[in-house]
Amino acid sequence: MNIILRNIQEADLEKIMNWRMLPEVTKYMYTDPELTIEDQKRWYKRISLDKNCKYWIIQVNNIDIGLMGLTEIDEKNSRCGWAYYIADTSFRGKGLAGILECNIYDYVFYELKLNKLWCEVLAFNEKVIYIHKKFGSEIEGVLRQHIYKNGQFYDVVIMAILKEKWDNIRKKYDYEKINIEE
């Protein structure tokens, strides 16, 4: 597989908007938005000016399949958050999550030289919690009834991995190195 994280371009906005409104994507997110291209252009302008975030299109064999982002990049406290989704469901269950996970750990710890990478996961998303644990992330806490969505409250699991842990376990994993555009 040829996997690339390529920088988002304005030409991607309609595709991202359509992905973001797919039920199989929004199910695992905090909101179920009804987006417009104007919303997307405002979002793109905001993230383009924000040095504390990075967003990429996940591309496999020249097919755009999803989105990955680093948020709240905080050099002072040496940490950032991350999230991603694979919108093209035909690419789910093929081992991409592990490849993406290991490569983003390498990028955050060895390129950005940060100490901590954290994420938030809706508690019912057991597959993602399992994947994060498999590659070294640990549960740091649970925000109880933190998100109200579709008439129901949901818990949010806070997970993170520290550079020191990744340094100690990364050799256990055999993963394809991917290109991450700057």
Protein backbone atom coordinates (compact mmCIF):
# COMPACT_ATOMS: atom_id res chain seq x y z
CA MET A 1 0.00 0.00 0.00
CA ASN A 2 1.20 3.48 -0.80
CA ILE A 3 -0.06 5.69 2.04
CA ILE A 4 0.45 9.45 2.14
CA LEU A 5 -0.77 12.18 4.46
CA ARG A 6 -1.06 15.11 2.10
CA ASN A 7 -1.87 18.66 3.07
CA ILE A 8 -5.46 19.75 2.63
CA GLN A 9 -6.09 22.01 -0.32
CA GLU A 10 -9.06 24.23 -0.99
CA ALA A 11 -10.10 21.82 -3.76
CA ASP A 12 -10.66 19.17 -1.03
CA LEU A 13 -13.27 21.14 0.89
CA GLU A 14 -16.39 19.74 -0.77
CA LYS A 15 -15.11 16.18 -0.37
CA ILE A 16 -14.29 16.79 3.31
CA MET A 17 -17.71 18.36 3.82
CA ASN A 18 -19.43 15.33 2.31
CA TRP A 19 -17.31 12.92 4.35
CA ARG A 20 -18.01 14.84 7.55
CA MET A 21 -21.76 14.46 7.08
CA LEU A 22 -21.68 10.69 6.47
CA PRO A 23 -23.51 8.81 9.24
CA GLU A 24 -20.66 6.29 9.51
CA VAL A 25 -18.30 9.22 10.27
CA THR A 26 -20.49 11.45 12.43
CA LYS A 27 -21.52 8.48 14.57
CA TYR A 28 -18.11 8.69 16.26
CA MET A 29 -17.86 12.49 16.47
CA TYR A 30 -19.24 15.02 18.87
CA THR A 31 -21.60 16.60 16.35
CA ASP A 32 -23.76 15.71 13.37
CA PRO A 33 -23.33 18.88 11.33
CA GLU A 34 -25.22 20.10 8.31
CA LEU A 35 -22.33 21.83 6.57
CA THR A 36 -22.17 24.18 3.61
CA ILE A 37 -19.26 24.97 1.36
CA GLU A 38 -19.18 28.43 2.97
CA ASP A 39 -18.73 26.72 6.37
CA GLN A 40 -15.88 24.70 4.91
CA LYS A 41 -14.19 27.78 3.45
CA ARG A 42 -14.36 29.53 6.84
CA TRP A 43 -12.92 26.40 8.54
CA TYR A 44 -10.16 26.15 5.95
CA LYS A 45 -9.24 29.83 6.35
CA ARG A 46 -9.14 29.42 10.14
CA ILE A 47 -6.94 26.31 10.12
CA SER A 48 -4.69 27.74 7.41
CA LEU A 49 -3.83 30.65 9.71
CA ASP A 50 -3.56 28.53 12.87
CA LYS A 51 0.01 27.35 13.56
CA ASN A 52 -1.31 25.11 16.37
CA CYS A 53 -2.95 22.58 14.07
CA LYS A 54 -2.17 20.48 11.01
CA TYR A 55 -4.63 18.63 8.80
CA TRP A 56 -4.03 16.09 6.07
CA ILE A 57 -5.99 14.02 3.59
CA ILE A 58 -5.27 10.32 4.09
CA GLN A 59 -4.44 8.96 0.66
CA VAL A 60 -4.00 5.26 -0.17
CA ASN A 61 -2.81 4.25 -3.64
CA ASN A 62 -3.75 7.74 -4.89
CA ILE A 63 -7.30 7.46 -3.49
CA ASP A 64 -8.42 10.02 -0.91
CA ILE A 65 -10.03 8.04 1.91
CA GLY A 66 -10.16 10.23 5.01
CA LEU A 67 -8.80 13.00 7.17
CA MET A 68 -6.21 13.24 9.94
CA GLY A 69 -5.47 16.21 12.15
CA LEU A 70 -3.25 17.38 14.94
CA THR A 71 -4.83 20.03 17.14
CA GLU A 72 -3.87 22.23 20.06
CA ILE A 73 -0.16 21.87 19.26
CA ASP A 74 1.37 23.29 22.43
CA GLU A 75 5.15 23.63 22.31
CA LYS A 76 5.37 25.11 25.82
CA ASN A 77 3.74 22.05 27.38
CA SER A 78 5.09 19.74 24.64
CA ARG A 79 1.80 18.11 23.67
CA CYS A 80 -0.93 18.00 21.06
CA GLY A 81 -4.21 16.25 20.36
CA TRP A 82 -5.07 14.16 17.35
CA ALA A 83 -7.95 12.55 15.53
CA TYR A 84 -8.67 10.93 12.22
CA TYR A 85 -11.37 9.15 10.30
CA ILE A 86 -11.46 6.81 7.35
CA ALA A 87 -14.52 7.93 5.42
CA ASP A 88 -14.24 5.35 2.63
CA THR A 89 -15.48 2.30 4.51
CA SER A 90 -13.97 -0.07 1.93
CA PHE A 91 -10.58 0.80 3.47
CA ARG A 92 -11.59 0.02 7.05
CA GLY A 93 -10.37 -3.22 8.62
CA LYS A 94 -7.27 -3.43 6.41
CA GLY A 95 -4.63 -2.51 9.00
CA LEU A 96 -4.47 1.18 8.09
CA ALA A 97 -5.25 2.33 11.63
CA GLY A 98 -2.07 0.77 13.01
CA ILE A 99 0.06 2.20 10.21
CA LEU A 100 -1.42 5.65 10.70
CA GLU A 101 -1.09 5.43 14.48
CA CYS A 102 2.59 4.42 14.47
CA ASN A 103 3.50 7.02 11.86
CA ILE A 104 1.75 9.87 13.63
CA TYR A 105 3.52 8.88 16.87
CA ASP A 106 6.85 9.06 15.02
CA TYR A 107 5.91 12.41 13.50
CA VAL A 108 4.77 13.99 16.78
CA PHE A 109 7.67 12.68 18.87
CA TYR A 110 10.57 12.85 16.41
CA GLU A 111 9.63 15.59 13.93
CA LEU A 112 7.64 17.97 16.12
CA LYS A 113 9.68 16.87 19.16
CA LEU A 114 6.70 16.87 21.50
CA ASN A 115 6.36 14.74 24.63
CA LYS A 116 2.67 13.78 24.67
CA LEU A 117 0.00 12.91 22.13
CA TRP A 118 -3.57 12.72 23.42
CA CYS A 119 -7.02 12.08 22.03
CA GLU A 120 -10.66 11.93 23.01
CA VAL A 121 -12.83 8.96 22.03
CA LEU A 122 -16.55 8.44 22.60
CA ALA A 123 -16.69 5.56 25.09
CA PHE A 124 -18.83 3.33 22.87
CA ASN A 125 -16.14 3.42 20.15
CA GLU A 126 -14.49 0.32 21.55
CA LYS A 127 -12.57 -0.54 18.35
CA VAL A 128 -10.68 2.76 18.39
CA ILE A 129 -10.00 2.50 22.13
CA TYR A 130 -8.62 -1.00 21.52
CA ILE A 131 -6.39 0.19 18.65
CA HIS A 132 -5.00 3.08 20.69
CA LYS A 133 -4.27 0.74 23.61
CA LYS A 134 -2.68 -1.82 21.27
CA PHE A 135 -0.12 0.77 20.16
CA GLY A 136 0.67 2.10 23.62
CA SER A 137 -1.87 4.78 24.46
CA GLU A 138 -3.35 4.61 27.93
CA ILE A 139 -6.65 5.76 29.33
CA GLU A 140 -6.01 8.85 31.46
CA GLY A 141 -9.61 9.42 32.44
CA VAL A 142 -13.25 9.42 31.52
CA LEU A 143 -15.38 12.53 31.18
CA ARG A 144 -18.75 11.26 32.27
CA GLN A 145 -21.84 12.26 30.26
CA HIS A 146 -19.66 14.81 28.51
CA ILE A 147 -21.35 14.94 25.11
CA TYR A 148 -25.07 15.29 24.48
CA LYS A 149 -25.94 14.00 21.05
CA ASN A 150 -29.12 12.65 19.48
CA GLY A 151 -31.02 12.91 22.77
CA GLN A 152 -28.45 10.98 24.79
CA PHE A 153 -25.41 11.70 26.97
CA TYR A 154 -22.12 9.99 26.14
CA ASP A 155 -18.95 9.45 28.12
CA VAL A 156 -15.64 10.52 26.57
CA VAL A 157 -12.45 8.53 27.14
CA ILE A 158 -9.24 10.57 27.33
CA MET A 159 -6.23 8.63 26.07
CA ALA A 160 -2.57 9.52 25.59
CA ILE A 161 0.89 8.19 24.92
CA LEU A 162 4.15 9.73 26.08
CA LYS A 163 7.33 9.87 24.01
CA GLU A 164 9.22 7.81 26.58
CA LYS A 165 6.74 4.96 26.23
CA TRP A 166 6.83 5.09 22.42
CA ASP A 167 10.65 5.08 22.53
CA ASN A 168 10.47 1.87 24.58
CA ILE A 169 7.85 -0.02 22.54
CA ARG A 170 8.09 1.16 18.93
CA LYS A 171 10.52 -1.59 17.90
CA LYS A 172 7.80 -4.15 18.70
CA TYR A 173 5.82 -2.94 15.69
CA ASP A 174 6.61 -3.60 12.06
CA TYR A 175 4.86 -0.83 10.17
CA GLU A 176 5.11 0.74 6.76
CA LYS A 177 6.65 4.20 6.84
CA ILE A 178 4.45 6.78 5.17
CA ASN A 179 5.08 10.21 3.70
CA ILE A 180 3.68 13.06 5.79
CA GLU A 181 3.70 16.38 3.98
CA GLU A 182 4.89 19.43 5.88
